[in-house]
Amino acid sequence: MIHGRRDMSCPVAAAWSPGERVAGQRLIVLDDAGHLRSESKRLALLRAHERFGRPQ
């Protein structure tokens, strides 16, 4: 899960709560991002996509 720390509509604690129930889930918190799209979110999404495609 990728979450912006500046997201005023959903605090980080609330964003992580559903993720705790998914095995292997990781929470990536971006300090410079909010609710809307940003360059840092785009880059984090690309990095996560690359990791997801690699065999474990």
C-alpha atoms as a PDB file:
ATOM      1  CA  MET A   1       0.000   0.000   0.000  1.00  0.00           C
ATOM      2  CA  ILE A   2       1.322   3.453  -0.905  1.00  0.00           C
ATOM      3  CA  HIS A   3       0.000   6.313   1.208  1.00  0.00           C
ATOM      4  CA  GLY A   4       0.689  10.041   1.417  1.00  0.00           C
ATOM      5  CA  ARG A   5       1.340  11.294   4.951  1.00  0.00           C
ATOM      6  CA  ARG A   6      -0.320  14.619   4.041  1.00  0.00           C
ATOM      7  CA  ASP A   7      -3.602  12.902   3.131  1.00  0.00           C
ATOM      8  CA  MET A   8      -6.079  14.781   5.345  1.00  0.00           C
ATOM      9  CA  SER A   9      -9.032  12.554   4.415  1.00  0.00           C
ATOM     10  CA  CYS A  10      -7.368   9.319   5.553  1.00  0.00           C
ATOM     11  CA  PRO A  11      -4.711   9.328   8.304  1.00  0.00           C
ATOM     12  CA  VAL A  12      -1.837   6.852   8.012  1.00  0.00           C
ATOM     13  CA  ALA A  13      -3.172   4.731  10.902  1.00  0.00           C
ATOM     14  CA  ALA A  14      -6.506   4.311   9.115  1.00  0.00           C
ATOM     15  CA  ALA A  15      -4.798   3.457   5.828  1.00  0.00           C
ATOM     16  CA  TRP A  16      -2.700   0.722   7.433  1.00  0.00           C
ATOM     17  CA  SER A  17      -5.510  -0.937   9.344  1.00  0.00           C
ATOM     18  CA  PRO A  18      -6.947  -2.863   6.328  1.00  0.00           C
ATOM     19  CA  GLY A  19      -3.437  -3.736   5.148  1.00  0.00           C
ATOM     20  CA  GLU A  20      -2.578  -5.506   8.377  1.00  0.00           C
ATOM     21  CA  ARG A  21      -4.976  -8.269   7.386  1.00  0.00           C
ATOM     22  CA  VAL A  22      -3.292  -9.012   4.047  1.00  0.00           C
ATOM     23  CA  ALA A  23      -0.386 -11.444   4.254  1.00  0.00           C
ATOM     24  CA  GLY A  24       2.856  -9.978   2.934  1.00  0.00           C
ATOM     25  CA  GLN A  25       1.463  -6.453   2.614  1.00  0.00           C
ATOM     26  CA  ARG A  26       3.827  -3.531   3.080  1.00  0.00           C
ATOM     27  CA  LEU A  27       2.946   0.076   3.806  1.00  0.00           C
ATOM     28  CA  ILE A  28       4.994   2.744   2.062  1.00  0.00           C
ATOM     29  CA  VAL A  29       4.357   6.221   3.497  1.00  0.00           C
ATOM     30  CA  LEU A  30       5.414   9.182   1.384  1.00  0.00           C
ATOM     31  CA  ASP A  31       6.116  12.242   3.536  1.00  0.00           C
ATOM     32  CA  ASP A  32       5.710  14.705   0.670  1.00  0.00           C
ATOM     33  CA  ALA A  33       2.435  13.323  -0.762  1.00  0.00           C
ATOM     34  CA  GLY A  34      -1.219  13.820   0.072  1.00  0.00           C
ATOM     35  CA  HIS A  35      -4.424  12.316  -1.276  1.00  0.00           C
ATOM     36  CA  LEU A  36      -3.988  13.292  -4.924  1.00  0.00           C
ATOM     37  CA  ARG A  37      -1.441  12.016  -7.404  1.00  0.00           C
ATOM     38  CA  SER A  38       2.127  13.231  -7.192  1.00  0.00           C
ATOM     39  CA  GLU A  39       5.478  12.471  -8.741  1.00  0.00           C
ATOM     40  CA  SER A  40       6.644  10.678  -5.601  1.00  0.00           C
ATOM     41  CA  LYS A  41       3.541   8.447  -5.672  1.00  0.00           C
ATOM     42  CA  ARG A  42       4.096   7.661  -9.332  1.00  0.00           C
ATOM     43  CA  LEU A  43       7.712   6.658  -8.683  1.00  0.00           C
ATOM     44  CA  ALA A  44       6.772   4.594  -5.615  1.00  0.00           C
ATOM     45  CA  LEU A  45       4.116   2.798  -7.638  1.00  0.00           C
ATOM     46  CA  LEU A  46       6.625   1.975 -10.377  1.00  0.00           C
ATOM     47  CA  ARG A  47       9.128   0.624  -7.802  1.00  0.00           C
ATOM     48  CA  ALA A  48       6.410  -1.472  -6.130  1.00  0.00           C
ATOM     49  CA  HIS A  49       5.321  -2.830  -9.492  1.00  0.00           C
ATOM     50  CA  GLU A  50       8.895  -3.876 -10.266  1.00  0.00           C
ATOM     51  CA  ARG A  51       9.236  -5.655  -6.882  1.00  0.00           C
ATOM     52  CA  PHE A  52       5.884  -7.388  -7.326  1.00  0.00           C
ATOM     53  CA  GLY A  53       6.983  -8.911 -10.616  1.00  0.00           C
ATOM     54  CA  ARG A  54      10.185 -10.427  -9.213  1.00  0.00           C
ATOM     55  CA  PRO A  55      10.202 -14.031  -8.021  1.00  0.00           C
ATOM     56  CA  GLN A  56      10.695 -14.371  -4.261  1.00  0.00           C
END
